[in-house]
PDB file of N, CA and C in Angstrom:
ATOM      1  N   MET A   1      27.879 -15.680  -0.972  1.00  0.00           N
ATOM      2  CA  MET A   1      27.269 -15.015   0.321  1.00  0.00           C
ATOM      3  C   MET A   1      26.692 -13.793   0.018  1.00  0.00           C
ATOM      4  N   VAL A   2      27.502 -13.039  -0.773  1.00  0.00           N
ATOM      5  CA  VAL A   2      27.050 -11.621  -1.038  1.00  0.00           C
ATOM      6  C   VAL A   2      25.922 -11.534  -2.031  1.00  0.00           C
ATOM      7  N   LYS A   3      25.885 -12.456  -2.835  1.00  0.00           N
ATOM      8  CA  LYS A   3      24.748 -12.530  -3.919  1.00  0.00           C
ATOM      9  C   LYS A   3      23.508 -12.908  -3.141  1.00  0.00           C
ATOM     10  N   LYS A   4      23.626 -13.938  -2.158  1.00  0.00           N
ATOM     11  CA  LYS A   4      22.236 -14.071  -1.444  1.00  0.00           C
ATOM     12  C   LYS A   4      21.770 -12.872  -0.620  1.00  0.00           C
ATOM     13  N   LEU A   5      22.739 -12.063  -0.029  1.00  0.00           N
ATOM     14  CA  LEU A   5      22.265 -10.978   0.773  1.00  0.00           C
ATOM     15  C   LEU A   5      21.764 -10.011  -0.148  1.00  0.00           C
ATOM     16  N   LEU A   6      22.145  -9.837  -1.488  1.00  0.00           N
ATOM     17  CA  LEU A   6      21.611  -8.960  -2.142  1.00  0.00           C
ATOM     18  C   LEU A   6      20.147  -9.415  -2.715  1.00  0.00           C
ATOM     19  N   PHE A   7      20.090 -10.507  -2.919  1.00  0.00           N
ATOM     20  CA  PHE A   7      18.734 -11.195  -3.403  1.00  0.00           C
ATOM     21  C   PHE A   7      17.856 -11.030  -2.332  1.00  0.00           C
ATOM     22  N   VAL A   8      18.189 -11.230  -1.167  1.00  0.00           N
ATOM     23  CA  VAL A   8      17.196 -11.092  -0.131  1.00  0.00           C
ATOM     24  C   VAL A   8      16.881  -9.506   0.144  1.00  0.00           C
ATOM     25  N   VAL A   9      17.808  -8.524  -0.111  1.00  0.00           N
ATOM     26  CA  VAL A   9      17.618  -7.367   0.046  1.00  0.00           C
ATOM     27  C   VAL A   9      16.668  -6.808  -0.871  1.00  0.00           C
ATOM     28  N   GLY A  10      16.860  -7.194  -2.310  1.00  0.00           N
ATOM     29  CA  GLY A  10      16.013  -6.803  -3.342  1.00  0.00           C
ATOM     30  C   GLY A  10      14.634  -7.430  -3.010  1.00  0.00           C
ATOM     31  N   ILE A  11      14.529  -8.730  -2.647  1.00  0.00           N
ATOM     32  CA  ILE A  11      12.967  -9.094  -2.390  1.00  0.00           C
ATOM     33  C   ILE A  11      12.379  -8.232  -1.312  1.00  0.00           C
ATOM     34  N   VAL A  12      12.974  -8.058  -0.206  1.00  0.00           N
ATOM     35  CA  VAL A  12      12.550  -7.209   0.812  1.00  0.00           C
ATOM     36  C   VAL A  12      11.947  -5.772   0.427  1.00  0.00           C
ATOM     37  N   GLY A  13      12.861  -5.138  -0.552  1.00  0.00           N
ATOM     38  CA  GLY A  13      12.656  -3.990  -1.213  1.00  0.00           C
ATOM     39  C   GLY A  13      11.156  -3.965  -2.128  1.00  0.00           C
ATOM     40  N   VAL A  14      11.010  -4.971  -2.792  1.00  0.00           N
ATOM     41  CA  VAL A  14      10.229  -4.958  -3.632  1.00  0.00           C
ATOM     42  C   VAL A  14       8.937  -5.470  -2.706  1.00  0.00           C
ATOM     43  N   ALA A  15       8.912  -6.126  -1.880  1.00  0.00           N
ATOM     44  CA  ALA A  15       7.897  -6.274  -0.940  1.00  0.00           C
ATOM     45  C   ALA A  15       7.333  -5.054  -0.179  1.00  0.00           C
ATOM     46  N   ALA A  16       8.178  -4.194   0.223  1.00  0.00           N
ATOM     47  CA  ALA A  16       7.989  -2.838   0.912  1.00  0.00           C
ATOM     48  C   ALA A  16       7.199  -1.976  -0.257  1.00  0.00           C
ATOM     49  N   LEU A  17       7.740  -2.083  -1.569  1.00  0.00           N
ATOM     50  CA  LEU A  17       7.223  -1.063  -2.462  1.00  0.00           C
ATOM     51  C   LEU A  17       5.770  -1.440  -2.728  1.00  0.00           C
ATOM     52  N   VAL A  18       5.460  -3.136  -2.934  1.00  0.00           N
ATOM     53  CA  VAL A  18       4.066  -3.349  -3.291  1.00  0.00           C
ATOM     54  C   VAL A  18       3.214  -3.357  -2.102  1.00  0.00           C
ATOM     55  N   ALA A  19       3.744  -3.177  -0.651  1.00  0.00           N
ATOM     56  CA  ALA A  19       2.934  -3.022   0.353  1.00  0.00           C
ATOM     57  C   ALA A  19       2.328  -1.637   0.506  1.00  0.00           C
ATOM     58  N   LYS A  20       3.445  -0.810   0.169  1.00  0.00           N
ATOM     59  CA  LYS A  20       2.942   0.799   0.125  1.00  0.00           C
ATOM     60  C   LYS A  20       1.916   1.272  -1.039  1.00  0.00           C
ATOM     61  N   ARG A  21       1.992   0.485  -2.268  1.00  0.00           N
ATOM     62  CA  ARG A  21       1.144   0.564  -3.305  1.00  0.00           C
ATOM     63  C   ARG A  21      -0.127   0.303  -2.971  1.00  0.00           C
ATOM     64  N   VAL A  22      -0.383  -0.873  -2.111  1.00  0.00           N
ATOM     65  CA  VAL A  22      -1.736  -1.489  -1.751  1.00  0.00           C
ATOM     66  C   VAL A  22      -2.218  -0.328  -0.566  1.00  0.00           C
ATOM     67  N   LYS A  23      -1.372   0.041   0.321  1.00  0.00           N
ATOM     68  CA  LYS A  23      -1.814   0.950   1.345  1.00  0.00           C
ATOM     69  C   LYS A  23      -2.452   2.258   0.599  1.00  0.00           C
ATOM     70  N   ASP A  24      -1.683   2.714  -0.174  1.00  0.00           N
ATOM     71  CA  ASP A  24      -2.120   3.946  -0.835  1.00  0.00           C
ATOM     72  C   ASP A  24      -3.336   3.692  -1.627  1.00  0.00           C
ATOM     73  N   SER A  25      -3.452   2.591  -2.383  1.00  0.00           N
ATOM     74  CA  SER A  25      -4.868   2.392  -2.949  1.00  0.00           C
ATOM     75  C   SER A  25      -5.798   2.309  -1.970  1.00  0.00           C
ATOM     76  N   ASN A  26      -5.719   1.473  -0.948  1.00  0.00           N
ATOM     77  CA  ASN A  26      -6.725   1.549  -0.092  1.00  0.00           C
ATOM     78  C   ASN A  26      -7.053   2.800   0.311  1.00  0.00           C
ATOM     79  N   ASP A  27      -6.107   3.637   0.920  1.00  0.00           N
ATOM     80  CA  ASP A  27      -6.469   4.862   1.552  1.00  0.00           C
ATOM     81  C   ASP A  27      -7.108   5.747   0.546  1.00  0.00           C
ATOM     82  N   GLU A  28      -6.701   5.736  -0.702  1.00  0.00           N
ATOM     83  CA  GLU A  28      -7.417   6.588  -1.701  1.00  0.00           C
ATOM     84  C   GLU A  28      -8.967   6.002  -1.923  1.00  0.00           C
ATOM     85  N   ARG A  29      -9.093   4.534  -2.095  1.00  0.00           N
ATOM     86  CA  ARG A  29     -10.605   4.172  -2.099  1.00  0.00           C
ATOM     87  C   ARG A  29     -11.545   4.451  -0.818  1.00  0.00           C
ATOM     88  N   ALA A  30     -10.722   4.543   0.157  1.00  0.00           N
ATOM     89  CA  ALA A  30     -11.520   5.238   1.570  1.00  0.00           C
ATOM     90  C   ALA A  30     -11.918   6.531   1.421  1.00  0.00           C
ATOM     91  N   LEU A  31     -10.962   7.466   0.998  1.00  0.00           N
ATOM     92  CA  LEU A  31     -11.227   8.641   0.762  1.00  0.00           C
ATOM     93  C   LEU A  31     -12.345   9.088  -0.403  1.00  0.00           C
ATOM     94  N   TRP A  32     -12.180   8.304  -1.172  1.00  0.00           N
ATOM     95  CA  TRP A  32     -13.456   8.419  -2.206  1.00  0.00           C
ATOM     96  C   TRP A  32     -14.653   8.079  -1.881  1.00  0.00           C
ATOM     97  N   HIS A  33     -14.694   7.043  -1.004  1.00  0.00           N
ATOM     98  CA  HIS A  33     -15.924   6.416  -0.508  1.00  0.00           C
ATOM     99  C   HIS A  33     -16.246   7.453   0.588  1.00  0.00           C
ATOM    100  N   GLU A  34     -15.664   7.987   1.334  1.00  0.00           N
ATOM    101  CA  GLU A  34     -16.069   9.061   2.448  1.00  0.00           C
ATOM    102  C   GLU A  34     -16.539  10.357   1.476  1.00  0.00           C
ATOM    103  N   ALA A  35     -16.014  10.517   0.478  1.00  0.00           N
ATOM    104  CA  ALA A  35     -16.132  11.915  -0.309  1.00  0.00           C
ATOM    105  C   ALA A  35     -17.640  11.832  -1.074  1.00  0.00           C
ATOM    106  N   THR A  36     -17.898  10.499  -1.477  1.00  0.00           N
ATOM    107  CA  THR A  36     -19.012  10.472  -2.352  1.00  0.00           C
ATOM    108  C   THR A  36     -20.322   9.941  -1.605  1.00  0.00           C
ATOM    109  N   THR A  37     -20.165   9.379  -0.374  1.00  0.00           N
ATOM    110  CA  THR A  37     -21.239   9.025   0.225  1.00  0.00           C
ATOM    111  C   THR A  37     -22.137  10.006   1.038  1.00  0.00           C
ATOM    112  N   ALA A  38     -23.486   9.891   0.873  1.00  0.00           N
ATOM    113  CA  ALA A  38     -24.456  10.926   1.650  1.00  0.00           C
ATOM    114  C   ALA A  38     -23.755  10.819   3.126  1.00  0.00           C
ATOM    115  N   PRO A  39     -24.090  12.356   3.724  1.00  0.00           N
ATOM    116  CA  PRO A  39     -23.657  12.282   5.203  1.00  0.00           C
ATOM    117  C   PRO A  39     -24.926  11.502   5.928  1.00  0.00           C
ATOM    118  N   ASP A  40     -24.563  10.975   6.913  1.00  0.00           N
ATOM    119  CA  ASP A  40     -25.685  10.445   7.866  1.00  0.00           C
ATOM    120  C   ASP A  40     -26.109  11.607   8.958  1.00  0.00           C
ATOM    121  N   LEU A  41     -27.070  12.150   8.733  1.00  0.00           N
ATOM    122  CA  LEU A  41     -27.654  13.126   9.490  1.00  0.00           C
ATOM    123  C   LEU A  41     -28.733  12.880  10.464  1.00  0.00           C
ATOM    124  N   ARG A  42     -28.470  11.511  11.006  1.00  0.00           N
ATOM    125  CA  ARG A  42     -29.550  11.133  11.999  1.00  0.00           C
ATOM    126  C   ARG A  42     -29.219  11.798  13.417  1.00  0.00           C
TER     127      ARG A  42
END
């Protein structure tokens, strides 16, 4: 029982780390896009 619980906790932890990295990557990409595109002066 304890092994199963540790396995589930490990999987959830890895999934959280992956989700955080994906979010950080998307945020950085959006920031670079905003910083490098010409302003819309209409």
